[in-house]
Amino acid sequence: MTERTTVRLPEDLIRRAKRKAAAEGRTLTALIEQGLRLVVSKPRRAKTERVLPRVSKATGGPMPGIDITDGSALQEMDDLEYVERMKHFK
């Protein structure tokens, strides 16, 4: 049996989640359910994984157009790259 509930999420997070769900051809509910299952099934780790920006091999710094101070933009870029990689596994 499923239960209906209301959650309050930051606007940028819900926008990214909706985009990711659409790109994967599933509902926002399915995406949230999968995420919650992952979080509650995994034991807590002391360190969290960090999303690092791509680095230019030519200059040694971030790739052109990447603002390393904008965490949400970095996460969105990582999400979009993930979706592209997953398209090849269908």
N, C-alpha and C. Protein backbone atom coordinates (compact mmCIF):
# COMPACT_ATOMS: atom_id res chain seq x y z
N MET A 1 0.85 -1.18 0.00
CA MET A 1 0.00 0.00 0.00
C MET A 1 0.89 1.24 0.00
N THR A 2 0.55 2.21 -0.81
CA THR A 2 1.33 3.44 -0.85
C THR A 2 0.64 4.52 -0.03
N GLU A 3 1.43 5.45 0.43
CA GLU A 3 0.92 6.56 1.23
C GLU A 3 1.24 7.87 0.53
N ARG A 4 0.30 8.75 0.53
CA ARG A 4 0.50 10.07 -0.07
C ARG A 4 1.02 11.01 1.00
N THR A 5 2.03 11.81 0.65
CA THR A 5 2.61 12.75 1.61
C THR A 5 3.06 14.01 0.89
N THR A 6 3.30 15.05 1.65
CA THR A 6 3.78 16.32 1.09
C THR A 6 5.16 16.58 1.64
N VAL A 7 6.07 16.97 0.77
CA VAL A 7 7.41 17.35 1.20
C VAL A 7 7.73 18.73 0.64
N ARG A 8 8.58 19.45 1.34
CA ARG A 8 9.00 20.77 0.87
C ARG A 8 10.46 20.65 0.45
N LEU A 9 10.72 20.98 -0.81
CA LEU A 9 12.06 20.87 -1.36
C LEU A 9 12.46 22.20 -2.00
N PRO A 10 13.76 22.50 -2.01
CA PRO A 10 14.22 23.72 -2.69
C PRO A 10 13.84 23.69 -4.17
N GLU A 11 13.49 24.85 -4.71
CA GLU A 11 13.03 24.93 -6.11
C GLU A 11 14.05 24.39 -7.09
N ASP A 12 15.34 24.71 -6.89
CA ASP A 12 16.35 24.24 -7.83
C ASP A 12 16.48 22.72 -7.80
N LEU A 13 16.32 22.12 -6.63
CA LEU A 13 16.40 20.67 -6.51
C LEU A 13 15.23 20.00 -7.22
N ILE A 14 14.04 20.51 -7.03
CA ILE A 14 12.86 19.90 -7.66
C ILE A 14 12.92 20.07 -9.17
N ARG A 15 13.43 21.21 -9.66
CA ARG A 15 13.59 21.40 -11.11
C ARG A 15 14.55 20.37 -11.69
N ARG A 16 15.70 20.18 -11.01
CA ARG A 16 16.68 19.21 -11.49
C ARG A 16 16.11 17.79 -11.44
N ALA A 17 15.37 17.50 -10.39
CA ALA A 17 14.79 16.16 -10.25
C ALA A 17 13.76 15.89 -11.35
N LYS A 18 12.94 16.88 -11.65
CA LYS A 18 11.94 16.72 -12.71
C LYS A 18 12.61 16.52 -14.06
N ARG A 19 13.68 17.28 -14.30
CA ARG A 19 14.42 17.15 -15.56
C ARG A 19 15.05 15.76 -15.68
N LYS A 20 15.64 15.28 -14.60
CA LYS A 20 16.29 13.97 -14.59
C LYS A 20 15.25 12.87 -14.80
N ALA A 21 14.12 12.95 -14.13
CA ALA A 21 13.07 11.95 -14.28
C ALA A 21 12.57 11.93 -15.73
N ALA A 22 12.35 13.10 -16.31
CA ALA A 22 11.87 13.17 -17.69
C ALA A 22 12.90 12.59 -18.66
N ALA A 23 14.17 12.91 -18.42
CA ALA A 23 15.23 12.40 -19.30
C ALA A 23 15.33 10.88 -19.24
N GLU A 24 14.98 10.32 -18.08
CA GLU A 24 15.04 8.87 -17.91
C GLU A 24 13.71 8.19 -18.23
N GLY A 25 12.71 8.99 -18.60
CA GLY A 25 11.41 8.44 -18.98
C GLY A 25 10.63 7.83 -17.83
N ARG A 26 10.73 8.45 -16.65
CA ARG A 26 9.97 7.95 -15.51
C ARG A 26 9.38 9.11 -14.72
N THR A 27 8.60 8.79 -13.73
CA THR A 27 7.92 9.83 -12.96
C THR A 27 8.83 10.38 -11.86
N LEU A 28 8.49 11.56 -11.41
CA LEU A 28 9.20 12.16 -10.29
C LEU A 28 9.05 11.28 -9.05
N THR A 29 7.87 10.72 -8.86
CA THR A 29 7.63 9.83 -7.73
C THR A 29 8.59 8.64 -7.76
N ALA A 30 8.77 8.04 -8.94
CA ALA A 30 9.67 6.89 -9.05
C ALA A 30 11.11 7.29 -8.74
N LEU A 31 11.52 8.48 -9.18
CA LEU A 31 12.87 8.96 -8.91
C LEU A 31 13.07 9.17 -7.41
N ILE A 32 12.11 9.82 -6.76
CA ILE A 32 12.20 10.07 -5.32
C ILE A 32 12.20 8.76 -4.55
N GLU A 33 11.33 7.82 -4.96
CA GLU A 33 11.27 6.53 -4.28
C GLU A 33 12.61 5.80 -4.37
N GLN A 34 13.21 5.79 -5.56
CA GLN A 34 14.51 5.13 -5.72
C GLN A 34 15.56 5.80 -4.83
N GLY A 35 15.57 7.13 -4.82
CA GLY A 35 16.54 7.85 -3.99
C GLY A 35 16.38 7.55 -2.51
N LEU A 36 15.14 7.53 -2.03
CA LEU A 36 14.91 7.22 -0.63
C LEU A 36 15.32 5.79 -0.29
N ARG A 37 15.02 4.87 -1.20
CA ARG A 37 15.42 3.47 -0.96
C ARG A 37 16.94 3.36 -0.86
N LEU A 38 17.66 4.08 -1.72
CA LEU A 38 19.12 4.05 -1.66
C LEU A 38 19.64 4.62 -0.34
N VAL A 39 19.05 5.72 0.08
CA VAL A 39 19.51 6.38 1.30
C VAL A 39 19.23 5.53 2.53
N VAL A 40 18.05 4.96 2.63
CA VAL A 40 17.73 4.20 3.85
C VAL A 40 18.34 2.81 3.86
N SER A 41 18.76 2.29 2.71
CA SER A 41 19.33 0.95 2.68
C SER A 41 20.84 0.93 2.88
N LYS A 42 21.51 2.04 2.62
CA LYS A 42 22.96 2.09 2.75
C LYS A 42 23.37 2.47 4.16
N PRO A 43 24.41 1.80 4.67
CA PRO A 43 24.94 2.24 5.97
C PRO A 43 25.62 3.60 5.81
N ARG A 44 25.59 4.39 6.84
CA ARG A 44 26.21 5.72 6.78
C ARG A 44 27.71 5.61 6.66
N ARG A 45 28.26 6.46 5.82
CA ARG A 45 29.71 6.53 5.67
C ARG A 45 30.22 7.78 6.36
N ALA A 46 31.43 7.72 6.82
CA ALA A 46 32.01 8.87 7.50
C ALA A 46 32.23 10.03 6.53
N LYS A 47 32.70 9.72 5.33
CA LYS A 47 32.96 10.77 4.34
C LYS A 47 31.91 10.69 3.24
N THR A 48 31.52 11.85 2.74
CA THR A 48 30.60 11.88 1.61
C THR A 48 31.39 12.08 0.33
N GLU A 49 30.88 11.57 -0.76
CA GLU A 49 31.55 11.74 -2.04
C GLU A 49 31.36 13.18 -2.50
N ARG A 50 32.41 13.75 -3.06
CA ARG A 50 32.34 15.12 -3.55
C ARG A 50 32.27 15.11 -5.07
N VAL A 51 31.50 16.02 -5.60
CA VAL A 51 31.44 16.20 -7.05
C VAL A 51 32.51 17.21 -7.41
N LEU A 52 33.48 16.78 -8.21
CA LEU A 52 34.56 17.66 -8.60
C LEU A 52 34.37 18.13 -10.04
N PRO A 53 34.71 19.37 -10.32
CA PRO A 53 34.56 19.86 -11.69
C PRO A 53 35.59 19.21 -12.61
N ARG A 54 35.23 19.13 -13.90
CA ARG A 54 36.19 18.64 -14.88
C ARG A 54 37.37 19.60 -14.95
N VAL A 55 38.54 19.06 -15.18
CA VAL A 55 39.75 19.87 -15.21
C VAL A 55 40.31 19.88 -16.63
N SER A 56 40.71 21.06 -17.07
CA SER A 56 41.33 21.21 -18.38
C SER A 56 42.77 20.72 -18.30
N LYS A 57 43.13 19.82 -19.18
CA LYS A 57 44.50 19.32 -19.20
C LYS A 57 45.45 20.36 -19.79
N ALA A 58 44.92 21.27 -20.58
CA ALA A 58 45.76 22.29 -21.22
C ALA A 58 46.25 23.33 -20.22
N THR A 59 45.36 23.80 -19.36
CA THR A 59 45.75 24.87 -18.44
C THR A 59 45.85 24.39 -17.00
N GLY A 60 45.30 23.23 -16.69
CA GLY A 60 45.33 22.74 -15.32
C GLY A 60 44.20 23.28 -14.46
N GLY A 61 43.39 24.17 -14.97
CA GLY A 61 42.28 24.74 -14.22
C GLY A 61 40.96 24.17 -14.70
N PRO A 62 39.85 24.71 -14.20
CA PRO A 62 38.54 24.24 -14.64
C PRO A 62 38.35 24.49 -16.15
N MET A 63 37.50 23.69 -16.75
CA MET A 63 37.18 23.86 -18.16
C MET A 63 36.53 25.23 -18.34
N PRO A 64 36.68 25.86 -19.51
CA PRO A 64 36.08 27.16 -19.74
C PRO A 64 34.57 27.13 -19.50
N GLY A 65 34.06 28.16 -18.83
CA GLY A 65 32.64 28.27 -18.58
C GLY A 65 32.17 27.58 -17.31
N ILE A 66 33.07 26.96 -16.55
CA ILE A 66 32.69 26.28 -15.31
C ILE A 66 33.04 27.17 -14.12
N ASP A 67 32.02 27.49 -13.34
CA ASP A 67 32.20 28.30 -12.13
C ASP A 67 32.24 27.35 -10.94
N ILE A 68 33.43 27.13 -10.36
CA ILE A 68 33.56 26.16 -9.28
C ILE A 68 32.94 26.63 -7.97
N THR A 69 32.48 27.87 -7.91
CA THR A 69 31.82 28.35 -6.70
C THR A 69 30.31 28.11 -6.73
N ASP A 70 29.78 27.67 -7.88
CA ASP A 70 28.34 27.43 -8.02
C ASP A 70 28.06 25.93 -7.90
N GLY A 71 27.84 25.48 -6.67
CA GLY A 71 27.64 24.05 -6.39
C GLY A 71 26.44 23.45 -7.10
N SER A 72 25.34 24.18 -7.19
CA SER A 72 24.15 23.62 -7.84
C SER A 72 24.37 23.45 -9.34
N ALA A 73 25.12 24.36 -9.95
CA ALA A 73 25.42 24.23 -11.39
C ALA A 73 26.34 23.04 -11.63
N LEU A 74 27.30 22.82 -10.73
CA LEU A 74 28.19 21.66 -10.86
C LEU A 74 27.40 20.37 -10.74
N GLN A 75 26.46 20.32 -9.77
CA GLN A 75 25.64 19.12 -9.59
C GLN A 75 24.75 18.88 -10.80
N GLU A 76 24.17 19.94 -11.34
CA GLU A 76 23.32 19.81 -12.52
C GLU A 76 24.12 19.29 -13.71
N MET A 77 25.34 19.80 -13.89
CA MET A 77 26.20 19.33 -14.97
C MET A 77 26.50 17.84 -14.80
N ASP A 78 26.77 17.43 -13.56
CA ASP A 78 27.04 16.02 -13.28
C ASP A 78 25.80 15.17 -13.56
N ASP A 79 24.62 15.67 -13.16
CA ASP A 79 23.37 14.94 -13.42
C ASP A 79 23.14 14.74 -14.91
N LEU A 80 23.37 15.80 -15.70
CA LEU A 80 23.16 15.71 -17.14
C LEU A 80 24.14 14.73 -17.78
N GLU A 81 25.40 14.73 -17.31
CA GLU A 81 26.38 13.77 -17.83
C GLU A 81 25.97 12.35 -17.48
N TYR A 82 25.44 12.16 -16.27
CA TYR A 82 24.98 10.84 -15.84
C TYR A 82 23.85 10.34 -16.74
N VAL A 83 22.90 11.22 -17.02
CA VAL A 83 21.77 10.84 -17.88
C VAL A 83 22.28 10.43 -19.26
N GLU A 84 23.23 11.17 -19.80
CA GLU A 84 23.79 10.82 -21.10
C GLU A 84 24.47 9.46 -21.07
N ARG A 85 25.21 9.18 -20.00
CA ARG A 85 25.88 7.87 -19.88
C ARG A 85 24.84 6.75 -19.78
N MET A 86 23.76 6.99 -19.04
CA MET A 86 22.74 5.95 -18.83
C MET A 86 21.96 5.66 -20.12
N LYS A 87 21.88 6.62 -21.03
CA LYS A 87 21.18 6.40 -22.31
C LYS A 87 21.83 5.29 -23.10
N HIS A 88 23.11 5.08 -22.91
CA HIS A 88 23.84 4.06 -23.66
C HIS A 88 23.63 2.65 -23.09
N PHE A 89 23.03 2.53 -21.89
CA PHE A 89 22.83 1.24 -21.26
C PHE A 89 21.44 0.67 -21.49
N LYS A 90 20.59 1.39 -22.21
CA LYS A 90 19.21 0.92 -22.42
C LYS A 90 19.16 -0.20 -23.41
